[in-house]
Amino acid sequence: MKDDTKLAAKRRLARIEGQVRGIGKMIEDDRYCIDVVRQVQAIKAALSGLETVILDDHLATCVEHALTSDNVDDRREKVEELVAVLGGKKK
């Protein structure tokens, strides 16, 4: 993973951690359910954004390297990994 991606991912994770702690406090404070659900949705969106950052880096580094190499098995493996992850199946 590139250094700038690591930094961006760590920042996003710190923000997400704060959001999760905030939901814990909302539940403890018996806040309105829909407000809690909205915060859960915000966290899901933040996690999706993090996933995109990490996948973009993976495509630009590992996958690109495999696709430009002469190793057919490595190329196949990277494509199969992506299909499994994007298709929601475990490899």
Protein backbone atom coordinates (compact mmCIF):
# COMPACT_ATOMS: atom_id res chain seq x y z
CA MET A 1 0.00 0.00 0.00
CA LYS A 2 1.33 3.44 -0.90
CA ASP A 3 2.24 5.77 1.96
CA ASP A 4 -0.37 8.37 1.02
CA THR A 5 -3.04 5.68 0.94
CA LYS A 6 -1.99 4.44 4.38
CA LEU A 7 -2.24 7.96 5.75
CA ALA A 8 -5.65 8.55 4.17
CA ALA A 9 -6.90 5.18 5.43
CA LYS A 10 -5.66 5.86 8.97
CA ARG A 11 -7.38 9.26 8.99
CA ARG A 12 -10.63 7.78 7.76
CA LEU A 13 -10.45 5.01 10.35
CA ALA A 14 -9.89 7.53 13.14
CA ARG A 15 -12.98 9.42 12.01
CA ILE A 16 -15.00 6.20 11.83
CA GLU A 17 -13.83 5.18 15.31
CA GLY A 18 -15.10 8.49 16.63
CA GLN A 19 -18.43 7.98 14.91
CA VAL A 20 -18.78 4.51 16.43
CA ARG A 21 -18.00 5.83 19.90
CA GLY A 22 -20.57 8.56 19.29
CA ILE A 23 -23.24 5.97 18.52
CA GLY A 24 -22.41 4.18 21.76
CA LYS A 25 -22.99 7.43 23.62
CA MET A 26 -26.22 8.06 21.72
CA ILE A 27 -27.52 4.66 22.73
CA GLU A 28 -26.43 5.18 26.32
CA ASP A 29 -28.20 8.56 26.32
CA ASP A 30 -31.35 6.92 24.91
CA ARG A 31 -31.35 9.13 21.83
CA TYR A 32 -34.09 8.96 19.21
CA CYS A 33 -33.77 5.73 17.22
CA ILE A 34 -33.86 7.38 13.80
CA ASP A 35 -30.99 9.68 14.80
CA VAL A 36 -28.98 6.60 15.77
CA VAL A 37 -29.86 4.86 12.50
CA ARG A 38 -28.74 7.93 10.54
CA GLN A 39 -25.38 7.78 12.29
CA VAL A 40 -25.10 4.06 11.49
CA GLN A 41 -25.78 4.91 7.84
CA ALA A 42 -23.09 7.58 7.96
CA ILE A 43 -20.61 5.02 9.26
CA LYS A 44 -21.56 2.56 6.53
CA ALA A 45 -20.94 5.29 3.94
CA ALA A 46 -17.59 6.12 5.55
CA LEU A 47 -16.57 2.45 5.49
CA SER A 48 -17.57 2.25 1.84
CA GLY A 49 -15.36 5.25 1.13
CA LEU A 50 -12.47 3.60 2.96
CA GLU A 51 -13.01 0.44 0.95
CA THR A 52 -12.84 2.47 -2.26
CA VAL A 53 -9.56 4.13 -1.24
CA ILE A 54 -8.00 0.76 -0.44
CA LEU A 55 -9.30 -0.92 -3.60
CA ASP A 56 -8.08 1.97 -5.77
CA ASP A 57 -4.62 1.59 -4.26
CA HIS A 58 -4.71 -2.18 -4.77
CA LEU A 59 -5.65 -1.70 -8.42
CA ALA A 60 -2.91 0.86 -8.96
CA THR A 61 -0.23 -1.27 -7.33
CA CYS A 62 -0.75 -5.02 -6.94
CA VAL A 63 -3.18 -5.58 -9.79
CA GLU A 64 -1.36 -3.32 -12.22
CA HIS A 65 1.92 -5.05 -11.42
CA ALA A 66 0.36 -8.48 -11.97
CA LEU A 67 -1.32 -7.45 -15.23
CA THR A 68 1.91 -6.08 -16.69
CA SER A 69 3.99 -9.08 -15.62
CA ASP A 70 4.58 -12.24 -17.59
CA ASN A 71 3.20 -14.42 -14.79
CA VAL A 72 -0.17 -15.66 -16.03
CA ASP A 73 -0.97 -17.36 -12.71
CA ASP A 74 -0.41 -14.11 -10.83
CA ARG A 75 -2.66 -12.22 -13.26
CA ARG A 76 -5.39 -14.84 -12.92
CA GLU A 77 -5.11 -14.81 -9.11
CA LYS A 78 -5.49 -11.00 -8.91
CA VAL A 79 -8.52 -11.01 -11.20
CA GLU A 80 -10.13 -13.86 -9.24
CA GLU A 81 -9.52 -11.99 -5.97
CA LEU A 82 -11.20 -8.88 -7.34
CA VAL A 83 -14.16 -10.82 -8.67
CA ALA A 84 -14.57 -12.56 -5.31
CA VAL A 85 -14.33 -9.32 -3.32
CA LEU A 86 -16.51 -7.23 -5.59
CA GLY A 87 -18.99 -10.07 -6.02
CA GLY A 88 -19.18 -10.60 -2.28
CA LYS A 89 -17.87 -14.15 -2.38
CA LYS A 90 -15.10 -15.46 -0.19
CA LYS A 91 -12.10 -16.89 -1.94
